[in-house]
């Protein structure tokens, strides 16, 4: 599983010109699922995202988490995080999970965000839809997390 996190002032996802999800100051999370991912990894990745200290404190130091700042999150499914363009000019997406698994784990990640932050602070895109995603990046500040780097069975923090 991969999460590309962008610290934002605001973000929104639209389908056919209609806003389907949005957030204020916090994170836009682009989430990709791999074939070997499961619910345990989904929870560990959410915990890492929620506690990741990439927000400024009162002194301007990057020392606070989404939870510390009472920030918001918008989660958008993004299978292209598993694009492989090592050979040729057309990327392969065989590293991404099949849609059924990807949808299940994406929805579970969104549910965890809603359980932690409350539904008013957690927005989501529409799995599998063609979306227009807009954001005001704060920094810019972007971090890529990969569950391969979290290690199975270890604490995410």
N, C-alpha and C. Protein backbone atom coordinates (compact mmCIF):
# COMPACT_ATOMS: atom_id res chain seq x y z
N UNK A 1 0.86 -1.16 0.00
CA UNK A 1 0.00 0.00 0.00
C UNK A 1 0.91 1.22 0.00
N UNK A 2 0.51 2.22 -0.76
CA UNK A 2 1.26 3.47 -0.81
C UNK A 2 0.32 4.64 -0.57
N UNK A 3 0.83 5.61 0.17
CA UNK A 3 0.08 6.83 0.42
C UNK A 3 0.98 8.01 0.09
N UNK A 4 0.54 8.81 -0.86
CA UNK A 4 1.22 10.05 -1.18
C UNK A 4 0.45 11.15 -0.45
N UNK A 5 1.11 11.75 0.53
CA UNK A 5 0.45 12.73 1.40
C UNK A 5 0.91 14.12 1.02
N UNK A 6 -0.05 14.98 0.74
CA UNK A 6 0.25 16.37 0.47
C UNK A 6 -0.41 17.20 1.56
N UNK A 7 0.41 18.01 2.23
CA UNK A 7 -0.15 18.91 3.24
C UNK A 7 -0.83 20.04 2.49
N UNK A 8 -2.10 20.30 2.84
CA UNK A 8 -2.89 21.25 2.07
C UNK A 8 -3.58 22.28 2.96
N UNK A 9 -3.88 23.41 2.38
CA UNK A 9 -4.77 24.39 3.01
C UNK A 9 -6.21 23.97 2.78
N UNK A 10 -6.45 23.37 1.59
CA UNK A 10 -7.76 22.83 1.23
C UNK A 10 -7.60 21.94 0.02
N UNK A 11 -8.54 21.01 -0.15
CA UNK A 11 -8.55 20.14 -1.32
C UNK A 11 -9.98 19.68 -1.57
N UNK A 12 -10.24 19.31 -2.83
CA UNK A 12 -11.56 18.78 -3.16
C UNK A 12 -11.45 17.85 -4.35
N UNK A 13 -12.37 16.90 -4.40
CA UNK A 13 -12.47 15.96 -5.52
C UNK A 13 -13.85 16.15 -6.15
N UNK A 14 -13.87 16.23 -7.48
CA UNK A 14 -15.11 16.41 -8.22
C UNK A 14 -15.29 15.28 -9.22
N UNK A 15 -16.53 14.88 -9.41
CA UNK A 15 -16.91 13.94 -10.46
C UNK A 15 -18.03 14.60 -11.24
N UNK A 16 -17.83 14.74 -12.55
CA UNK A 16 -18.82 15.37 -13.43
C UNK A 16 -19.22 16.75 -12.92
N UNK A 17 -18.25 17.52 -12.43
CA UNK A 17 -18.50 18.88 -11.98
C UNK A 17 -19.12 19.01 -10.60
N UNK A 18 -19.35 17.89 -9.92
CA UNK A 18 -19.97 17.92 -8.60
C UNK A 18 -18.94 17.51 -7.54
N UNK A 19 -18.82 18.30 -6.47
CA UNK A 19 -17.88 17.98 -5.40
C UNK A 19 -18.37 16.75 -4.66
N UNK A 20 -17.51 15.72 -4.60
CA UNK A 20 -17.87 14.47 -3.92
C UNK A 20 -17.14 14.33 -2.59
N UNK A 21 -16.07 15.09 -2.39
CA UNK A 21 -15.32 15.05 -1.14
C UNK A 21 -14.42 16.25 -1.05
N UNK A 22 -14.17 16.70 0.17
CA UNK A 22 -13.30 17.86 0.34
C UNK A 22 -12.71 17.85 1.75
N UNK A 23 -11.73 18.73 1.94
CA UNK A 23 -11.16 18.94 3.26
C UNK A 23 -10.61 20.35 3.35
N UNK A 24 -10.52 20.83 4.57
CA UNK A 24 -9.85 22.09 4.84
C UNK A 24 -8.39 21.80 5.13
N UNK A 25 -7.77 22.61 5.98
CA UNK A 25 -6.35 22.44 6.29
C UNK A 25 -6.09 21.05 6.84
N UNK A 26 -5.13 20.38 6.26
CA UNK A 26 -4.78 19.02 6.67
C UNK A 26 -4.03 18.32 5.56
N UNK A 27 -4.50 17.11 5.19
CA UNK A 27 -3.80 16.29 4.21
C UNK A 27 -4.72 15.84 3.08
N UNK A 28 -4.19 15.86 1.87
CA UNK A 28 -4.76 15.12 0.75
C UNK A 28 -3.95 13.83 0.68
N UNK A 29 -4.61 12.70 0.78
CA UNK A 29 -3.94 11.40 0.74
C UNK A 29 -4.36 10.68 -0.53
N UNK A 30 -3.39 10.46 -1.43
CA UNK A 30 -3.60 9.65 -2.61
C UNK A 30 -3.18 8.25 -2.22
N UNK A 31 -4.11 7.28 -2.31
CA UNK A 31 -3.89 5.95 -1.76
C UNK A 31 -3.91 4.88 -2.84
N UNK A 32 -2.82 4.11 -2.92
CA UNK A 32 -2.74 2.98 -3.84
C UNK A 32 -2.63 1.68 -3.07
N UNK A 33 -3.26 0.63 -3.60
CA UNK A 33 -3.30 -0.68 -2.93
C UNK A 33 -2.59 -1.71 -3.80
N UNK A 34 -1.76 -2.54 -3.14
CA UNK A 34 -1.03 -3.62 -3.82
C UNK A 34 -1.75 -4.95 -3.59
N UNK A 35 -1.47 -5.94 -4.42
CA UNK A 35 -2.15 -7.24 -4.30
C UNK A 35 -1.93 -7.96 -2.97
N UNK A 36 -0.83 -7.68 -2.29
CA UNK A 36 -0.52 -8.37 -1.04
C UNK A 36 -1.00 -7.62 0.19
N UNK A 37 -1.66 -6.50 0.02
CA UNK A 37 -2.12 -5.69 1.15
C UNK A 37 -3.33 -6.33 1.83
N UNK A 38 -3.50 -6.01 3.11
CA UNK A 38 -4.61 -6.55 3.87
C UNK A 38 -5.09 -5.50 4.88
N UNK A 39 -6.10 -5.85 5.67
CA UNK A 39 -6.67 -4.90 6.62
C UNK A 39 -5.68 -4.48 7.70
N UNK A 40 -4.82 -5.39 8.13
CA UNK A 40 -3.83 -5.05 9.16
C UNK A 40 -2.89 -3.96 8.65
N UNK A 41 -2.43 -4.10 7.41
CA UNK A 41 -1.55 -3.07 6.83
C UNK A 41 -2.30 -1.76 6.63
N UNK A 42 -3.57 -1.86 6.28
CA UNK A 42 -4.38 -0.66 6.09
C UNK A 42 -4.46 0.12 7.40
N UNK A 43 -4.71 -0.56 8.50
CA UNK A 43 -4.77 0.09 9.81
C UNK A 43 -3.41 0.69 10.18
N UNK A 44 -2.34 -0.05 9.95
CA UNK A 44 -1.00 0.45 10.29
C UNK A 44 -0.66 1.70 9.47
N UNK A 45 -1.04 1.70 8.19
CA UNK A 45 -0.76 2.87 7.36
C UNK A 45 -1.59 4.06 7.83
N UNK A 46 -2.88 3.83 8.13
CA UNK A 46 -3.69 4.95 8.63
C UNK A 46 -3.10 5.51 9.92
N UNK A 47 -2.69 4.65 10.83
CA UNK A 47 -2.09 5.11 12.09
C UNK A 47 -0.85 5.96 11.82
N UNK A 48 -0.04 5.54 10.86
CA UNK A 48 1.16 6.30 10.50
C UNK A 48 0.76 7.67 9.95
N UNK A 49 -0.22 7.70 9.05
CA UNK A 49 -0.67 8.97 8.47
C UNK A 49 -1.21 9.89 9.55
N UNK A 50 -2.06 9.38 10.42
CA UNK A 50 -2.69 10.20 11.45
C UNK A 50 -1.68 10.78 12.43
N UNK A 51 -0.60 10.06 12.69
CA UNK A 51 0.38 10.51 13.68
C UNK A 51 1.63 11.14 13.06
N UNK A 52 1.70 11.16 11.73
CA UNK A 52 2.86 11.71 11.04
C UNK A 52 3.01 13.19 11.36
N UNK A 53 4.16 13.57 11.85
CA UNK A 53 4.39 14.95 12.31
C UNK A 53 4.98 15.79 11.18
N UNK A 54 4.09 16.33 10.34
CA UNK A 54 4.53 17.18 9.22
C UNK A 54 3.83 18.53 9.23
N UNK A 55 3.23 18.88 10.36
CA UNK A 55 2.56 20.18 10.50
C UNK A 55 3.38 21.06 11.45
N UNK A 56 3.31 22.35 11.24
CA UNK A 56 4.09 23.29 12.04
C UNK A 56 3.48 23.48 13.43
N UNK A 57 4.36 23.65 14.40
CA UNK A 57 3.92 24.01 15.75
C UNK A 57 3.91 25.53 15.88
N UNK A 58 3.70 26.04 17.06
CA UNK A 58 3.64 27.49 17.29
C UNK A 58 4.92 28.23 16.95
N UNK A 59 6.05 27.51 16.94
CA UNK A 59 7.34 28.11 16.61
C UNK A 59 7.71 27.93 15.15
N UNK A 60 6.79 27.35 14.36
CA UNK A 60 7.06 27.14 12.95
C UNK A 60 7.86 25.88 12.66
N UNK A 61 8.13 25.06 13.67
CA UNK A 61 8.87 23.81 13.48
C UNK A 61 7.90 22.71 13.07
N UNK A 62 8.35 21.84 12.18
CA UNK A 62 7.53 20.72 11.70
C UNK A 62 7.52 19.67 12.81
N UNK A 63 6.48 19.74 13.66
CA UNK A 63 6.50 18.94 14.87
C UNK A 63 5.12 18.46 15.31
N UNK A 64 4.09 18.71 14.49
CA UNK A 64 2.72 18.35 14.91
C UNK A 64 2.08 17.45 13.89
N UNK A 65 1.15 16.63 14.37
CA UNK A 65 0.45 15.68 13.50
C UNK A 65 -0.92 16.21 13.12
N UNK A 66 -1.58 15.47 12.27
CA UNK A 66 -2.95 15.77 11.89
C UNK A 66 -3.85 15.78 13.13
N UNK A 67 -3.60 14.87 14.04
CA UNK A 67 -4.38 14.79 15.27
C UNK A 67 -4.12 15.99 16.17
N UNK A 68 -2.86 16.42 16.26
CA UNK A 68 -2.49 17.56 17.10
C UNK A 68 -3.12 18.86 16.62
N UNK A 69 -3.25 18.99 15.30
CA UNK A 69 -3.74 20.24 14.72
C UNK A 69 -5.24 20.23 14.47
N UNK A 70 -5.89 19.09 14.78
CA UNK A 70 -7.30 18.92 14.47
C UNK A 70 -7.57 19.16 12.99
N UNK A 71 -6.61 18.69 12.17
CA UNK A 71 -6.70 18.86 10.73
C UNK A 71 -7.72 17.93 10.10
N UNK A 72 -7.92 18.13 8.80
CA UNK A 72 -8.86 17.34 8.02
C UNK A 72 -8.10 16.52 6.99
N UNK A 73 -8.79 15.57 6.38
CA UNK A 73 -8.16 14.72 5.38
C UNK A 73 -9.14 14.45 4.25
N UNK A 74 -8.60 14.39 3.04
CA UNK A 74 -9.34 13.94 1.87
C UNK A 74 -8.56 12.76 1.31
N UNK A 75 -9.22 11.60 1.18
CA UNK A 75 -8.57 10.39 0.68
C UNK A 75 -9.10 10.08 -0.71
N UNK A 76 -8.18 9.92 -1.66
CA UNK A 76 -8.52 9.66 -3.06
C UNK A 76 -7.79 8.40 -3.50
N UNK A 77 -8.52 7.45 -4.10
CA UNK A 77 -7.88 6.23 -4.59
C UNK A 77 -6.98 6.58 -5.78
N UNK A 78 -5.83 5.90 -5.86
CA UNK A 78 -4.84 6.27 -6.87
C UNK A 78 -4.00 5.05 -7.25
N UNK A 79 -4.55 4.17 -8.10
CA UNK A 79 -3.81 2.96 -8.48
C UNK A 79 -2.52 3.29 -9.21
N UNK A 80 -2.43 4.47 -9.82
CA UNK A 80 -1.23 4.81 -10.58
C UNK A 80 0.01 5.01 -9.70
N UNK A 81 -0.16 4.99 -8.38
CA UNK A 81 1.02 5.02 -7.51
C UNK A 81 1.86 3.75 -7.68
N UNK A 82 1.29 2.73 -8.31
CA UNK A 82 2.01 1.49 -8.58
C UNK A 82 2.43 1.38 -10.04
N UNK A 83 2.48 2.50 -10.74
CA UNK A 83 2.94 2.51 -12.13
C UNK A 83 4.40 2.07 -12.20
N UNK A 84 4.71 1.26 -13.19
CA UNK A 84 6.08 0.81 -13.42
C UNK A 84 6.46 1.20 -14.84
N UNK A 85 7.34 2.18 -14.96
CA UNK A 85 7.76 2.67 -16.28
C UNK A 85 9.24 2.37 -16.53
N UNK A 86 9.74 1.34 -15.90
CA UNK A 86 11.15 1.00 -16.08
C UNK A 86 11.45 0.52 -17.50
N UNK A 87 10.45 -0.11 -18.13
CA UNK A 87 10.65 -0.61 -19.49
C UNK A 87 9.68 0.09 -20.42
N UNK A 88 10.21 0.71 -21.43
CA UNK A 88 9.36 1.36 -22.42
C UNK A 88 8.80 2.68 -21.93
N UNK A 89 7.86 3.20 -22.68
CA UNK A 89 7.29 4.51 -22.39
C UNK A 89 5.86 4.44 -21.90
N UNK A 90 5.28 3.26 -21.91
CA UNK A 90 3.91 3.09 -21.42
C UNK A 90 3.96 2.34 -20.09
N UNK A 91 3.53 2.98 -19.01
CA UNK A 91 3.62 2.33 -17.70
C UNK A 91 2.75 1.08 -17.60
N UNK A 92 3.23 0.15 -16.81
CA UNK A 92 2.46 -1.04 -16.46
C UNK A 92 1.87 -0.81 -15.08
N UNK A 93 0.69 -1.34 -14.84
CA UNK A 93 0.04 -1.18 -13.54
C UNK A 93 -0.20 -2.54 -12.87
N UNK A 94 0.59 -3.54 -13.24
CA UNK A 94 0.41 -4.87 -12.69
C UNK A 94 0.75 -4.93 -11.20
N UNK A 95 1.43 -3.93 -10.68
CA UNK A 95 1.75 -3.87 -9.25
C UNK A 95 0.58 -3.42 -8.40
N UNK A 96 -0.50 -2.97 -9.02
CA UNK A 96 -1.69 -2.52 -8.29
C UNK A 96 -2.62 -3.70 -8.05
N UNK A 97 -3.37 -3.64 -6.96
CA UNK A 97 -4.32 -4.69 -6.62
C UNK A 97 -5.48 -4.71 -7.61
N UNK A 98 -6.15 -5.85 -7.69
CA UNK A 98 -7.38 -5.97 -8.46
C UNK A 98 -8.43 -5.07 -7.83
N UNK A 99 -9.36 -4.55 -8.64
CA UNK A 99 -10.34 -3.58 -8.13
C UNK A 99 -11.12 -4.00 -6.88
N UNK A 100 -11.50 -5.27 -6.78
CA UNK A 100 -12.30 -5.70 -5.63
C UNK A 100 -11.53 -5.51 -4.32
N UNK A 101 -10.28 -5.96 -4.28
CA UNK A 101 -9.45 -5.80 -3.08
C UNK A 101 -9.13 -4.32 -2.85
N UNK A 102 -8.77 -3.62 -3.92
CA UNK A 102 -8.42 -2.21 -3.79
C UNK A 102 -9.59 -1.40 -3.24
N UNK A 103 -10.79 -1.65 -3.74
CA UNK A 103 -11.97 -0.92 -3.26
C UNK A 103 -12.19 -1.21 -1.77
N UNK A 104 -12.10 -2.47 -1.38
CA UNK A 104 -12.33 -2.86 0.01
C UNK A 104 -11.33 -2.16 0.94
N UNK A 105 -10.04 -2.18 0.59
CA UNK A 105 -9.04 -1.58 1.48
C UNK A 105 -9.07 -0.06 1.44
N UNK A 106 -9.40 0.51 0.29
CA UNK A 106 -9.59 1.97 0.21
C UNK A 106 -10.74 2.39 1.12
N UNK A 107 -11.87 1.69 1.02
CA UNK A 107 -13.02 2.02 1.87
C UNK A 107 -12.67 1.85 3.34
N UNK A 108 -11.91 0.80 3.67
CA UNK A 108 -11.52 0.58 5.06
C UNK A 108 -10.63 1.70 5.56
N UNK A 109 -9.70 2.17 4.74
CA UNK A 109 -8.83 3.28 5.10
C UNK A 109 -9.67 4.53 5.38
N UNK A 110 -10.65 4.79 4.52
CA UNK A 110 -11.54 5.94 4.71
C UNK A 110 -12.35 5.80 6.00
N UNK A 111 -12.83 4.59 6.28
CA UNK A 111 -13.58 4.35 7.52
C UNK A 111 -12.72 4.63 8.74
N UNK A 112 -11.46 4.20 8.70
CA UNK A 112 -10.55 4.45 9.82
C UNK A 112 -10.34 5.95 10.01
N UNK A 113 -10.21 6.68 8.91
CA UNK A 113 -10.07 8.13 9.01
C UNK A 113 -11.31 8.75 9.65
N UNK A 114 -12.48 8.29 9.24
CA UNK A 114 -13.74 8.81 9.80
C UNK A 114 -13.88 8.44 11.28
N UNK A 115 -13.49 7.23 11.65
CA UNK A 115 -13.56 6.81 13.05
C UNK A 115 -12.62 7.65 13.92
N UNK A 116 -11.45 7.98 13.40
CA UNK A 116 -10.45 8.72 14.17
C UNK A 116 -10.78 10.21 14.24
N UNK A 117 -11.13 10.78 13.09
CA UNK A 117 -11.29 12.23 13.00
C UNK A 117 -12.74 12.69 13.11
N UNK A 118 -13.68 11.80 12.83
CA UNK A 118 -15.08 12.17 12.70
C UNK A 118 -15.39 12.40 11.23
N UNK A 119 -16.59 12.08 10.82
CA UNK A 119 -16.94 12.18 9.41
C UNK A 119 -16.89 13.61 8.88
N UNK A 120 -17.05 14.60 9.76
CA UNK A 120 -17.00 16.00 9.30
C UNK A 120 -15.58 16.44 8.95
N UNK A 121 -14.55 15.70 9.39
CA UNK A 121 -13.16 16.05 9.11
C UNK A 121 -12.49 15.10 8.13
N UNK A 122 -13.24 14.12 7.61
CA UNK A 122 -12.67 13.12 6.71
C UNK A 122 -13.51 13.03 5.45
N UNK A 123 -12.94 13.43 4.33
CA UNK A 123 -13.62 13.35 3.04
C UNK A 123 -13.01 12.25 2.19
N UNK A 124 -13.73 11.87 1.16
CA UNK A 124 -13.22 10.83 0.27
C UNK A 124 -13.67 11.09 -1.15
N UNK A 125 -12.88 10.58 -2.07
CA UNK A 125 -13.25 10.60 -3.47
C UNK A 125 -14.18 9.43 -3.76
N UNK A 126 -14.35 9.12 -5.05
CA UNK A 126 -15.18 8.00 -5.47
C UNK A 126 -14.27 6.97 -6.11
N UNK A 127 -14.19 5.79 -5.52
CA UNK A 127 -13.31 4.74 -6.03
C UNK A 127 -13.64 4.44 -7.49
N UNK A 128 -12.61 4.42 -8.32
CA UNK A 128 -12.75 4.04 -9.72
C UNK A 128 -13.30 5.13 -10.64
N UNK A 129 -13.70 6.25 -10.08
CA UNK A 129 -14.27 7.33 -10.91
C UNK A 129 -13.16 8.19 -11.49
N UNK A 130 -13.46 8.80 -12.63
CA UNK A 130 -12.57 9.82 -13.19
C UNK A 130 -12.85 11.11 -12.42
N UNK A 131 -11.86 11.58 -11.66
CA UNK A 131 -12.05 12.74 -10.79
C UNK A 131 -11.15 13.89 -11.21
N UNK A 132 -11.59 15.08 -10.87
CA UNK A 132 -10.76 16.25 -10.94
C UNK A 132 -10.45 16.61 -9.49
N UNK A 133 -9.17 16.59 -9.15
CA UNK A 133 -8.76 16.86 -7.78
C UNK A 133 -8.04 18.20 -7.76
N UNK A 134 -8.53 19.09 -6.91
CA UNK A 134 -7.94 20.43 -6.76
C UNK A 134 -7.40 20.57 -5.36
N UNK A 135 -6.28 21.28 -5.24
CA UNK A 135 -5.72 21.48 -3.92
C UNK A 135 -4.93 22.77 -3.87
N UNK A 136 -4.82 23.29 -2.67
CA UNK A 136 -3.89 24.37 -2.38
C UNK A 136 -2.84 23.74 -1.48
N UNK A 137 -1.68 23.44 -2.05
CA UNK A 137 -0.62 22.77 -1.33
C UNK A 137 -0.01 23.73 -0.33
N UNK A 138 0.25 23.24 0.87
CA UNK A 138 0.82 24.05 1.94
C UNK A 138 2.30 23.71 2.06
N UNK A 139 3.15 24.56 1.58
CA UNK A 139 4.59 24.34 1.67
C UNK A 139 5.31 24.68 0.37
N UNK A 140 5.24 23.83 -0.63
CA UNK A 140 4.61 22.53 -0.69
C UNK A 140 5.33 21.51 0.20
N UNK A 141 4.55 20.57 0.69
CA UNK A 141 5.06 19.53 1.58
C UNK A 141 4.40 18.23 1.17
N UNK A 142 5.20 17.29 0.64
CA UNK A 142 4.68 16.02 0.14
C UNK A 142 5.54 14.88 0.67
N UNK A 143 4.88 13.82 1.15
CA UNK A 143 5.58 12.66 1.72
C UNK A 143 4.98 11.40 1.11
N UNK A 144 5.84 10.45 0.72
CA UNK A 144 5.39 9.16 0.21
C UNK A 144 5.65 8.10 1.28
N UNK A 145 4.58 7.41 1.68
CA UNK A 145 4.70 6.29 2.61
C UNK A 145 4.38 5.00 1.87
N UNK A 146 5.14 3.97 2.17
CA UNK A 146 4.95 2.67 1.54
C UNK A 146 4.92 1.63 2.66
N UNK A 147 3.92 0.76 2.65
CA UNK A 147 3.82 -0.23 3.73
C UNK A 147 5.02 -1.17 3.74
N UNK A 148 5.71 -1.33 2.62
CA UNK A 148 6.93 -2.13 2.62
C UNK A 148 7.96 -1.56 3.58
N UNK A 149 7.95 -0.25 3.75
CA UNK A 149 8.90 0.41 4.64
C UNK A 149 8.44 0.38 6.10
N UNK A 150 7.16 0.12 6.34
CA UNK A 150 6.68 0.04 7.71
C UNK A 150 7.08 -1.26 8.37
N UNK A 151 7.26 -2.29 7.58
CA UNK A 151 7.59 -3.61 8.13
C UNK A 151 6.39 -4.24 8.77
N UNK A 152 6.16 -5.47 8.50
CA UNK A 152 5.01 -6.17 9.06
C UNK A 152 5.24 -6.50 10.52
N UNK A 153 4.25 -6.17 11.35
CA UNK A 153 4.32 -6.54 12.76
C UNK A 153 5.00 -5.53 13.65
N UNK A 154 5.63 -4.51 13.09
CA UNK A 154 6.28 -3.48 13.91
C UNK A 154 5.34 -2.32 14.10
N UNK A 155 5.57 -1.57 15.14
CA UNK A 155 4.78 -0.37 15.40
C UNK A 155 5.01 0.65 14.29
N UNK A 156 3.95 1.34 13.82
CA UNK A 156 4.11 2.31 12.75
C UNK A 156 4.77 3.60 13.19
N UNK A 157 4.97 3.80 14.47
CA UNK A 157 5.54 5.06 14.95
C UNK A 157 6.95 4.89 15.40
